[in-house]
C-alpha atoms as a PDB file:
ATOM      1  CA  UNK A   1     -40.826 -11.297  11.428  1.00  0.00           C
ATOM      2  CA  UNK A   2     -40.154  -9.344   8.463  1.00  0.00           C
ATOM      3  CA  UNK A   3     -36.989  -7.503   7.862  1.00  0.00           C
ATOM      4  CA  UNK A   4     -35.238 -10.259  10.333  1.00  0.00           C
ATOM      5  CA  UNK A   5     -32.229 -12.433   9.227  1.00  0.00           C
ATOM      6  CA  UNK A   6     -29.936 -14.780  10.332  1.00  0.00           C
ATOM      7  CA  UNK A   7     -26.045 -14.824   9.821  1.00  0.00           C
ATOM      8  CA  UNK A   8     -24.077 -18.136   9.263  1.00  0.00           C
ATOM      9  CA  UNK A   9     -24.245 -18.788  12.924  1.00  0.00           C
ATOM     10  CA  UNK A  10     -27.808 -18.811  13.193  1.00  0.00           C
ATOM     11  CA  UNK A  11     -27.656 -15.159  15.322  1.00  0.00           C
ATOM     12  CA  UNK A  12     -30.520 -13.070  14.723  1.00  0.00           C
ATOM     13  CA  UNK A  13     -29.893  -9.910  12.883  1.00  0.00           C
ATOM     14  CA  UNK A  14     -31.893  -6.758  13.051  1.00  0.00           C
ATOM     15  CA  UNK A  15     -33.603  -6.927  16.178  1.00  0.00           C
ATOM     16  CA  UNK A  16     -31.020  -7.071  18.788  1.00  0.00           C
ATOM     17  CA  UNK A  17     -32.224 -10.426  19.961  1.00  0.00           C
ATOM     18  CA  UNK A  18     -28.654 -12.029  19.428  1.00  0.00           C
ATOM     19  CA  UNK A  19     -27.391  -9.760  21.907  1.00  0.00           C
ATOM     20  CA  UNK A  20     -29.975 -10.379  24.692  1.00  0.00           C
ATOM     21  CA  UNK A  21     -29.561 -14.147  24.265  1.00  0.00           C
ATOM     22  CA  UNK A  22     -25.525 -13.767  24.659  1.00  0.00           C
ATOM     23  CA  UNK A  23     -26.034 -11.353  27.362  1.00  0.00           C
ATOM     24  CA  UNK A  24     -25.021  -8.188  25.914  1.00  0.00           C
ATOM     25  CA  UNK A  25     -26.620  -5.024  25.847  1.00  0.00           C
ATOM     26  CA  UNK A  26     -28.866  -4.459  22.589  1.00  0.00           C
ATOM     27  CA  UNK A  27     -27.844  -1.396  20.164  1.00  0.00           C
ATOM     28  CA  UNK A  28     -30.714   0.570  21.813  1.00  0.00           C
ATOM     29  CA  UNK A  29     -29.404  -0.029  25.423  1.00  0.00           C
ATOM     30  CA  UNK A  30     -26.039   1.196  24.211  1.00  0.00           C
ATOM     31  CA  UNK A  31     -27.100   4.458  22.965  1.00  0.00           C
ATOM     32  CA  UNK A  32     -29.448   5.168  26.026  1.00  0.00           C
ATOM     33  CA  UNK A  33     -26.628   4.487  28.301  1.00  0.00           C
ATOM     34  CA  UNK A  34     -24.367   7.025  26.039  1.00  0.00           C
ATOM     35  CA  UNK A  35     -27.193   9.533  26.243  1.00  0.00           C
ATOM     36  CA  UNK A  36     -27.619   8.963  30.281  1.00  0.00           C
ATOM     37  CA  UNK A  37     -23.777   9.615  30.583  1.00  0.00           C
ATOM     38  CA  UNK A  38     -23.719  12.643  28.500  1.00  0.00           C
ATOM     39  CA  UNK A  39     -26.749  14.058  30.430  1.00  0.00           C
ATOM     40  CA  UNK A  40     -25.330  13.377  33.555  1.00  0.00           C
ATOM     41  CA  UNK A  41     -21.971  15.089  32.377  1.00  0.00           C
ATOM     42  CA  UNK A  42     -24.313  18.181  31.515  1.00  0.00           C
ATOM     43  CA  UNK A  43     -25.726  18.081  34.791  1.00  0.00           C
ATOM     44  CA  UNK A  44     -22.731  18.097  36.878  1.00  0.00           C
ATOM     45  CA  UNK A  45     -21.318  20.886  34.778  1.00  0.00           C
ATOM     46  CA  UNK A  46     -24.741  23.024  35.135  1.00  0.00           C
ATOM     47  CA  UNK A  47     -24.630  22.332  38.828  1.00  0.00           C
ATOM     48  CA  UNK A  48     -21.193  23.652  38.940  1.00  0.00           C
ATOM     49  CA  UNK A  49     -22.003  26.746  37.021  1.00  0.00           C
ATOM     50  CA  UNK A  50     -25.200  27.212  39.124  1.00  0.00           C
ATOM     51  CA  UNK A  51     -23.155  26.820  42.299  1.00  0.00           C
ATOM     52  CA  UNK A  52     -20.329  29.607  41.039  1.00  0.00           C
ATOM     53  CA  UNK A  53     -23.386  31.833  40.334  1.00  0.00           C
ATOM     54  CA  UNK A  54     -25.174  31.553  43.378  1.00  0.00           C
ATOM     55  CA  UNK A  55     -21.929  32.110  45.467  1.00  0.00           C
ATOM     56  CA  UNK A  56     -21.287  35.399  43.496  1.00  0.00           C
ATOM     57  CA  UNK A  57     -25.058  36.476  43.995  1.00  0.00           C
ATOM     58  CA  UNK A  58     -25.059  35.836  47.809  1.00  0.00           C
ATOM     59  CA  UNK A  59     -21.499  37.889  47.925  1.00  0.00           C
ATOM     60  CA  UNK A  60     -22.916  40.768  45.659  1.00  0.00           C
ATOM     61  CA  UNK A  61     -26.020  40.728  48.158  1.00  0.00           C
ATOM     62  CA  UNK A  62     -23.626  40.854  51.271  1.00  0.00           C
ATOM     63  CA  UNK A  63     -21.170  43.671  49.948  1.00  0.00           C
ATOM     64  CA  UNK A  64     -24.506  45.890  49.138  1.00  0.00           C
ATOM     65  CA  UNK A  65     -26.203  44.903  52.479  1.00  0.00           C
ATOM     66  CA  UNK A  66     -23.118  45.905  54.504  1.00  0.00           C
ATOM     67  CA  UNK A  67     -22.625  49.094  52.327  1.00  0.00           C
ATOM     68  CA  UNK A  68     -26.215  50.309  52.785  1.00  0.00           C
ATOM     69  CA  UNK A  69     -26.895  48.832  56.146  1.00  0.00           C
ATOM     70  CA  UNK A  70     -29.028  45.871  55.182  1.00  0.00           C
ATOM     71  CA  UNK A  71     -32.666  45.378  54.962  1.00  0.00           C
ATOM     72  CA  UNK A  72     -34.728  47.130  57.628  1.00  0.00           C
ATOM     73  CA  UNK A  73     -37.975  49.058  58.487  1.00  0.00           C
ATOM     74  CA  UNK A  74     -38.299  52.806  58.876  1.00  0.00           C
ATOM     75  CA  UNK A  75     -38.892  53.598  62.535  1.00  0.00           C
ATOM     76  CA  UNK A  76     -40.799  56.338  61.337  1.00  0.00           C
ATOM     77  CA  UNK A  77     -43.198  54.473  58.994  1.00  0.00           C
ATOM     78  CA  UNK A  78     -43.299  50.938  60.345  1.00  0.00           C
ATOM     79  CA  UNK A  79     -46.397  49.975  57.954  1.00  0.00           C
ATOM     80  CA  UNK A  80     -47.434  51.781  54.892  1.00  0.00           C
ATOM     81  CA  UNK A  81     -50.262  54.252  55.196  1.00  0.00           C
ATOM     82  CA  UNK A  82     -53.776  52.276  55.240  1.00  0.00           C
ATOM     83  CA  UNK A  83     -55.988  53.605  52.158  1.00  0.00           C
ATOM     84  CA  UNK A  84     -59.341  54.900  53.321  1.00  0.00           C
ATOM     85  CA  UNK A  85     -62.389  52.575  53.124  1.00  0.00           C
ATOM     86  CA  UNK A  86     -65.602  51.842  54.619  1.00  0.00           C
ATOM     87  CA  UNK A  87     -66.421  49.247  57.376  1.00  0.00           C
ATOM     88  CA  UNK A  88     -66.519  45.845  56.004  1.00  0.00           C
ATOM     89  CA  UNK A  89     -65.102  46.825  52.469  1.00  0.00           C
ATOM     90  CA  UNK A  90     -61.617  44.973  51.929  1.00  0.00           C
ATOM     91  CA  UNK A  91     -58.697  46.804  50.422  1.00  0.00           C
ATOM     92  CA  UNK A  92     -58.055  46.656  46.819  1.00  0.00           C
ATOM     93  CA  UNK A  93     -54.318  46.359  45.747  1.00  0.00           C
ATOM     94  CA  UNK A  94     -54.829  49.053  43.370  1.00  0.00           C
ATOM     95  CA  UNK A  95     -57.602  51.620  42.384  1.00  0.00           C
ATOM     96  CA  UNK A  96     -59.828  50.771  39.427  1.00  0.00           C
ATOM     97  CA  UNK A  97     -60.358  53.835  36.940  1.00  0.00           C
ATOM     98  CA  UNK A  98     -63.902  54.013  35.780  1.00  0.00           C
ATOM     99  CA  UNK A  99     -64.582  55.915  32.569  1.00  0.00           C
ATOM    100  CA  UNK A 100     -67.969  57.231  31.509  1.00  0.00           C
END
């Protein structure tokens, strides 16, 4: 037990064991509780900001939807045109260019 000293009352100094024996939180525990408290406050603030931004986004979407009539299919073109392919050939998401 290097770097450990005792004071006049015999309490161990430097390891926090005196606090444990007396039922008090050790120094690391105090720092961790303070950090946890700070992180919870930060989480609460970020949650509030996210909620505000989400409501603003939904409001803007609602306004644009009312102005444009909302998302809908074109009755003349309910599906995109099907690219020509041979029987048994799966469609490709894009055509590859071959350079010779």
